[in-house]
Amino acid sequence: LCSVHKPGGSPLKGAKLQDCITRAIT
């Protein structure tokens, strides 16, 4: 992981963030 950018909006749960990271790696 090099960077995570989340500009505002509603909070993001840990499981959803991990899902995003996994998909980004793929």
PDB file of all heavy atoms in Angstrom:
ATOM      1  N   LEU A   1       0.842  -1.186   0.000  1.00  0.00           N
ATOM      2  CA  LEU A   1       0.000   0.000   0.000  1.00  0.00           C
ATOM      3  C   LEU A   1       0.885   1.246   0.000  1.00  0.00           C
ATOM      4  O   LEU A   1       1.749   1.404   0.855  1.00  0.00           O
ATOM      5  CB  LEU A   1      -0.890  -0.026   1.248  1.00  0.00           C
ATOM      6  CG  LEU A   1      -1.936   1.051   1.391  1.00  0.00           C
ATOM      7  CD1 LEU A   1      -2.949   0.946   0.256  1.00  0.00           C
ATOM      8  CD2 LEU A   1      -2.639   0.898   2.725  1.00  0.00           C
ATOM      9  N   CYS A   2       0.691   2.125  -0.973  1.00  0.00           N
ATOM     10  CA  CYS A   2       1.474   3.359  -1.068  1.00  0.00           C
ATOM     11  C   CYS A   2       0.685   4.553  -0.553  1.00  0.00           C
ATOM     12  O   CYS A   2       1.260   5.462   0.046  1.00  0.00           O
ATOM     13  CB  CYS A   2       1.876   3.628  -2.514  1.00  0.00           C
ATOM     14  SG  CYS A   2       2.895   2.350  -3.242  1.00  0.00           S
ATOM     15  N   SER A   3      -0.622   4.566  -0.826  1.00  0.00           N
ATOM     16  CA  SER A   3      -1.420   5.725  -0.459  1.00  0.00           C
ATOM     17  C   SER A   3      -2.899   5.358  -0.401  1.00  0.00           C
ATOM     18  O   SER A   3      -3.369   4.504  -1.156  1.00  0.00           O
ATOM     19  CB  SER A   3      -1.217   6.835  -1.502  1.00  0.00           C
ATOM     20  OG  SER A   3      -2.084   7.914  -1.261  1.00  0.00           O
ATOM     21  N   VAL A   4      -3.597   6.030   0.504  1.00  0.00           N
ATOM     22  CA  VAL A   4      -5.060   5.951   0.570  1.00  0.00           C
ATOM     23  C   VAL A   4      -5.553   7.389   0.600  1.00  0.00           C
ATOM     24  O   VAL A   4      -5.130   8.175   1.444  1.00  0.00           O
ATOM     25  CB  VAL A   4      -5.552   5.201   1.827  1.00  0.00           C
ATOM     26  CG1 VAL A   4      -7.074   5.241   1.914  1.00  0.00           C
ATOM     27  CG2 VAL A   4      -5.065   3.766   1.828  1.00  0.00           C
ATOM     28  N   HIS A   5      -6.422   7.740  -0.340  1.00  0.00           N
ATOM     29  CA  HIS A   5      -6.974   9.091  -0.401  1.00  0.00           C
ATOM     30  C   HIS A   5      -8.496   8.995  -0.351  1.00  0.00           C
ATOM     31  O   HIS A   5      -9.107   8.386  -1.216  1.00  0.00           O
ATOM     32  CB  HIS A   5      -6.524   9.774  -1.694  1.00  0.00           C
ATOM     33  CG  HIS A   5      -7.075  11.151  -1.865  1.00  0.00           C
ATOM     34  ND1 HIS A   5      -6.723  12.197  -1.049  1.00  0.00           N
ATOM     35  CD2 HIS A   5      -7.962  11.642  -2.748  1.00  0.00           C
ATOM     36  CE1 HIS A   5      -7.366  13.281  -1.439  1.00  0.00           C
ATOM     37  NE2 HIS A   5      -8.134  12.968  -2.466  1.00  0.00           N
ATOM     38  N   LYS A   6      -9.077   9.584   0.686  1.00  0.00           N
ATOM     39  CA  LYS A   6     -10.529   9.575   0.832  1.00  0.00           C
ATOM     40  C   LYS A   6     -10.972  10.988   1.171  1.00  0.00           C
ATOM     41  O   LYS A   6     -10.940  11.407   2.326  1.00  0.00           O
ATOM     42  CB  LYS A   6     -10.965   8.600   1.923  1.00  0.00           C
ATOM     43  CG  LYS A   6     -12.470   8.472   1.964  1.00  0.00           C
ATOM     44  CD  LYS A   6     -12.905   7.739   3.204  1.00  0.00           C
ATOM     45  CE  LYS A   6     -14.358   7.968   3.448  1.00  0.00           C
ATOM     46  NZ  LYS A   6     -14.734   9.353   3.637  1.00  0.00           N
ATOM     47  N   PRO A   7     -11.347  11.742   0.159  1.00  0.00           N
ATOM     48  CA  PRO A   7     -11.729  13.137   0.385  1.00  0.00           C
ATOM     49  C   PRO A   7     -13.168  13.292   0.890  1.00  0.00           C
ATOM     50  O   PRO A   7     -14.108  13.261   0.110  1.00  0.00           O
ATOM     51  CB  PRO A   7     -11.555  13.786  -0.987  1.00  0.00           C
ATOM     52  CG  PRO A   7     -11.807  12.663  -1.944  1.00  0.00           C
ATOM     53  CD  PRO A   7     -11.351  11.405  -1.253  1.00  0.00           C
ATOM     54  N   GLY A   8     -13.346  13.431   2.176  1.00  0.00           N
ATOM     55  CA  GLY A   8     -14.665  13.693   2.752  1.00  0.00           C
ATOM     56  C   GLY A   8     -15.637  12.548   2.579  1.00  0.00           C
ATOM     57  O   GLY A   8     -15.259  11.393   2.446  1.00  0.00           O
ATOM     58  N   GLY A   9     -16.923  12.877   2.602  1.00  0.00           N
ATOM     59  CA  GLY A   9     -17.962  11.861   2.478  1.00  0.00           C
ATOM     60  C   GLY A   9     -18.188  11.158   3.802  1.00  0.00           C
ATOM     61  O   GLY A   9     -17.615  11.494   4.831  1.00  0.00           O
ATOM     62  N   SER A  10     -19.029  10.153   3.777  1.00  0.00           N
ATOM     63  CA  SER A  10     -19.326   9.414   5.001  1.00  0.00           C
ATOM     64  C   SER A  10     -18.176   8.471   5.355  1.00  0.00           C
ATOM     65  O   SER A  10     -17.358   8.143   4.511  1.00  0.00           O
ATOM     66  CB  SER A  10     -20.638   8.647   4.820  1.00  0.00           C
ATOM     67  OG  SER A  10     -20.560   7.801   3.704  1.00  0.00           O
ATOM     68  N   PRO A  11     -18.119   8.020   6.620  1.00  0.00           N
ATOM     69  CA  PRO A  11     -17.011   7.148   7.048  1.00  0.00           C
ATOM     70  C   PRO A  11     -16.986   5.835   6.278  1.00  0.00           C
ATOM     71  O   PRO A  11     -18.002   5.373   5.769  1.00  0.00           O
ATOM     72  CB  PRO A  11     -17.298   6.894   8.523  1.00  0.00           C
ATOM     73  CG  PRO A  11     -18.330   7.858   8.930  1.00  0.00           C
ATOM     74  CD  PRO A  11     -19.041   8.319   7.705  1.00  0.00           C
ATOM     75  N   LEU A  12     -15.809   5.226   6.242  1.00  0.00           N
ATOM     76  CA  LEU A  12     -15.621   3.957   5.552  1.00  0.00           C
ATOM     77  C   LEU A  12     -15.201   2.908   6.572  1.00  0.00           C
ATOM     78  O   LEU A  12     -14.249   3.103   7.318  1.00  0.00           O
ATOM     79  CB  LEU A  12     -14.526   4.122   4.486  1.00  0.00           C
ATOM     80  CG  LEU A  12     -14.276   2.970   3.540  1.00  0.00           C
ATOM     81  CD1 LEU A  12     -15.525   2.687   2.709  1.00  0.00           C
ATOM     82  CD2 LEU A  12     -13.113   3.290   2.625  1.00  0.00           C
ATOM     83  N   LYS A  13     -15.937   1.807   6.632  1.00  0.00           N
ATOM     84  CA  LYS A  13     -15.633   0.745   7.591  1.00  0.00           C
ATOM     85  C   LYS A  13     -14.353   0.017   7.193  1.00  0.00           C
ATOM     86  O   LYS A  13     -13.997  -0.049   6.020  1.00  0.00           O
ATOM     87  CB  LYS A  13     -16.789  -0.243   7.661  1.00  0.00           C
ATOM     88  CG  LYS A  13     -18.046   0.373   8.221  1.00  0.00           C
ATOM     89  CD  LYS A  13     -19.181  -0.613   8.246  1.00  0.00           C
ATOM     90  CE  LYS A  13     -20.436   0.089   8.764  1.00  0.00           C
ATOM     91  NZ  LYS A  13     -21.625  -0.718   8.634  1.00  0.00           N
ATOM     92  N   GLY A  14     -13.670  -0.554   8.182  1.00  0.00           N
ATOM     93  CA  GLY A  14     -12.406  -1.254   7.958  1.00  0.00           C
ATOM     94  C   GLY A  14     -12.511  -2.377   6.957  1.00  0.00           C
ATOM     95  O   GLY A  14     -11.631  -2.571   6.112  1.00  0.00           O
ATOM     96  N   ALA A  15     -13.590  -3.159   7.018  1.00  0.00           N
ATOM     97  CA  ALA A  15     -13.770  -4.287   6.097  1.00  0.00           C
ATOM     98  C   ALA A  15     -13.925  -3.793   4.660  1.00  0.00           C
ATOM     99  O   ALA A  15     -13.401  -4.403   3.718  1.00  0.00           O
ATOM    100  CB  ALA A  15     -14.987  -5.118   6.502  1.00  0.00           C
ATOM    101  N   LYS A  16     -14.642  -2.694   4.489  1.00  0.00           N
ATOM    102  CA  LYS A  16     -14.835  -2.140   3.144  1.00  0.00           C
ATOM    103  C   LYS A  16     -13.523  -1.587   2.602  1.00  0.00           C
ATOM    104  O   LYS A  16     -13.189  -1.767   1.429  1.00  0.00           O
ATOM    105  CB  LYS A  16     -15.900  -1.042   3.177  1.00  0.00           C
ATOM    106  CG  LYS A  16     -16.323  -0.533   1.823  1.00  0.00           C
ATOM    107  CD  LYS A  16     -16.905  -1.593   0.927  1.00  0.00           C
ATOM    108  CE  LYS A  16     -18.248  -2.048   1.419  1.00  0.00           C
ATOM    109  NZ  LYS A  16     -18.884  -3.013   0.520  1.00  0.00           N
ATOM    110  N   LEU A  17     -12.732  -0.939   3.459  1.00  0.00           N
ATOM    111  CA  LEU A  17     -11.420  -0.433   3.057  1.00  0.00           C
ATOM    112  C   LEU A  17     -10.509  -1.591   2.665  1.00  0.00           C
ATOM    113  O   LEU A  17      -9.815  -1.531   1.646  1.00  0.00           O
ATOM    114  CB  LEU A  17     -10.789   0.393   4.175  1.00  0.00           C
ATOM    115  CG  LEU A  17      -9.409   0.955   3.886  1.00  0.00           C
ATOM    116  CD1 LEU A  17      -9.434   1.866   2.666  1.00  0.00           C
ATOM    117  CD2 LEU A  17      -8.877   1.710   5.100  1.00  0.00           C
ATOM    118  N   GLN A  18     -10.527  -2.663   3.435  1.00  0.00           N
ATOM    119  CA  GLN A  18      -9.698  -3.835   3.109  1.00  0.00           C
ATOM    120  C   GLN A  18     -10.123  -4.436   1.783  1.00  0.00           C
ATOM    121  O   GLN A  18      -9.286  -4.879   0.995  1.00  0.00           O
ATOM    122  CB  GLN A  18      -9.775  -4.877   4.231  1.00  0.00           C
ATOM    123  CG  GLN A  18      -8.804  -6.028   4.040  1.00  0.00           C
ATOM    124  CD  GLN A  18      -7.359  -5.585   3.937  1.00  0.00           C
ATOM    125  OE1 GLN A  18      -6.871  -4.827   4.767  1.00  0.00           O
ATOM    126  NE2 GLN A  18      -6.669  -6.041   2.901  1.00  0.00           N
ATOM    127  N   ASP A  19     -11.417  -4.472   1.506  1.00  0.00           N
ATOM    128  CA  ASP A  19     -11.925  -4.969   0.226  1.00  0.00           C
ATOM    129  C   ASP A  19     -11.379  -4.114  -0.918  1.00  0.00           C
ATOM    130  O   ASP A  19     -10.946  -4.632  -1.951  1.00  0.00           O
ATOM    131  CB  ASP A  19     -13.456  -4.970   0.235  1.00  0.00           C
ATOM    132  CG  ASP A  19     -14.056  -5.601  -1.009  1.00  0.00           C
ATOM    133  OD1 ASP A  19     -13.386  -6.453  -1.642  1.00  0.00           O
ATOM    134  OD2 ASP A  19     -15.203  -5.253  -1.345  1.00  0.00           O
ATOM    135  N   CYS A  20     -11.378  -2.790  -0.729  1.00  0.00           N
ATOM    136  CA  CYS A  20     -10.843  -1.878  -1.748  1.00  0.00           C
ATOM    137  C   CYS A  20      -9.357  -2.137  -1.979  1.00  0.00           C
ATOM    138  O   CYS A  20      -8.894  -2.164  -3.123  1.00  0.00           O
ATOM    139  CB  CYS A  20     -11.061  -0.426  -1.340  1.00  0.00           C
ATOM    140  SG  CYS A  20     -12.770   0.110  -1.348  1.00  0.00           S
ATOM    141  N   ILE A  21      -8.603  -2.336  -0.908  1.00  0.00           N
ATOM    142  CA  ILE A  21      -7.162  -2.582  -1.031  1.00  0.00           C
ATOM    143  C   ILE A  21      -6.909  -3.882  -1.791  1.00  0.00           C
ATOM    144  O   ILE A  21      -6.062  -3.939  -2.689  1.00  0.00           O
ATOM    145  CB  ILE A  21      -6.499  -2.602   0.361  1.00  0.00           C
ATOM    146  CG1 ILE A  21      -6.537  -1.196   0.979  1.00  0.00           C
ATOM    147  CG2 ILE A  21      -5.061  -3.118   0.271  1.00  0.00           C
ATOM    148  CD1 ILE A  21      -6.142  -1.147   2.441  1.00  0.00           C
ATOM    149  N   THR A  22      -7.662  -4.927  -1.466  1.00  0.00           N
ATOM    150  CA  THR A  22      -7.508  -6.206  -2.148  1.00  0.00           C
ATOM    151  C   THR A  22      -7.804  -6.077  -3.637  1.00  0.00           C
ATOM    152  O   THR A  22      -7.066  -6.592  -4.482  1.00  0.00           O
ATOM    153  CB  THR A  22      -8.434  -7.265  -1.506  1.00  0.00           C
ATOM    154  OG1 THR A  22      -8.100  -7.374  -0.118  1.00  0.00           O
ATOM    155  CG2 THR A  22      -8.292  -8.615  -2.178  1.00  0.00           C
ATOM    156  N   ARG A  23      -8.869  -5.378  -3.965  1.00  0.00           N
ATOM    157  CA  ARG A  23      -9.215  -5.176  -5.377  1.00  0.00           C
ATOM    158  C   ARG A  23      -8.173  -4.319  -6.091  1.00  0.00           C
ATOM    159  O   ARG A  23      -7.873  -4.546  -7.270  1.00  0.00           O
ATOM    160  CB  ARG A  23     -10.592  -4.535  -5.499  1.00  0.00           C
ATOM    161  CG  ARG A  23     -11.718  -5.455  -5.111  1.00  0.00           C
ATOM    162  CD  ARG A  23     -13.037  -4.740  -5.188  1.00  0.00           C
ATOM    163  NE  ARG A  23     -14.113  -5.578  -4.714  1.00  0.00           N
ATOM    164  CZ  ARG A  23     -15.311  -5.604  -5.271  1.00  0.00           C
ATOM    165  NH1 ARG A  23     -15.575  -4.841  -6.307  1.00  0.00           N
ATOM    166  NH2 ARG A  23     -16.249  -6.380  -4.786  1.00  0.00           N
ATOM    167  N   ALA A  24      -7.623  -3.341  -5.389  1.00  0.00           N
ATOM    168  CA  ALA A  24      -6.600  -2.475  -5.990  1.00  0.00           C
ATOM    169  C   ALA A  24      -5.335  -3.279  -6.311  1.00  0.00           C
ATOM    170  O   ALA A  24      -4.709  -3.061  -7.349  1.00  0.00           O
ATOM    171  CB  ALA A  24      -6.275  -1.319  -5.046  1.00  0.00           C
ATOM    172  N   ILE A  25      -4.964  -4.194  -5.441  1.00  0.00           N
ATOM    173  CA  ILE A  25      -3.787  -5.039  -5.681  1.00  0.00           C
ATOM    174  C   ILE A  25      -4.003  -5.911  -6.913  1.00  0.00           C
ATOM    175  O   ILE A  25      -3.113  -6.051  -7.760  1.00  0.00           O
ATOM    176  CB  ILE A  25      -3.468  -5.889  -4.431  1.00  0.00           C
ATOM    177  CG1 ILE A  25      -2.953  -4.979  -3.308  1.00  0.00           C
ATOM    178  CG2 ILE A  25      -2.468  -6.986  -4.750  1.00  0.00           C
ATOM    179  CD1 ILE A  25      -2.869  -5.649  -1.949  1.00  0.00           C
ATOM    180  N   THR A  26      -5.196  -6.481  -7.043  1.00  0.00           N
ATOM    181  CA  THR A  26      -5.528  -7.297  -8.210  1.00  0.00           C
ATOM    182  C   THR A  26      -5.494  -6.458  -9.477  1.00  0.00           C
ATOM    183  O   THR A  26      -4.930  -6.866 -10.502  1.00  0.00           O
ATOM    184  CB  THR A  26      -6.916  -7.944  -8.042  1.00  0.00           C
ATOM    185  OG1 THR A  26      -6.900  -8.750  -6.863  1.00  0.00           O
ATOM    186  CG2 THR A  26      -7.294  -8.784  -9.246  1.00  0.00           C
TER     187      THR A  26
END
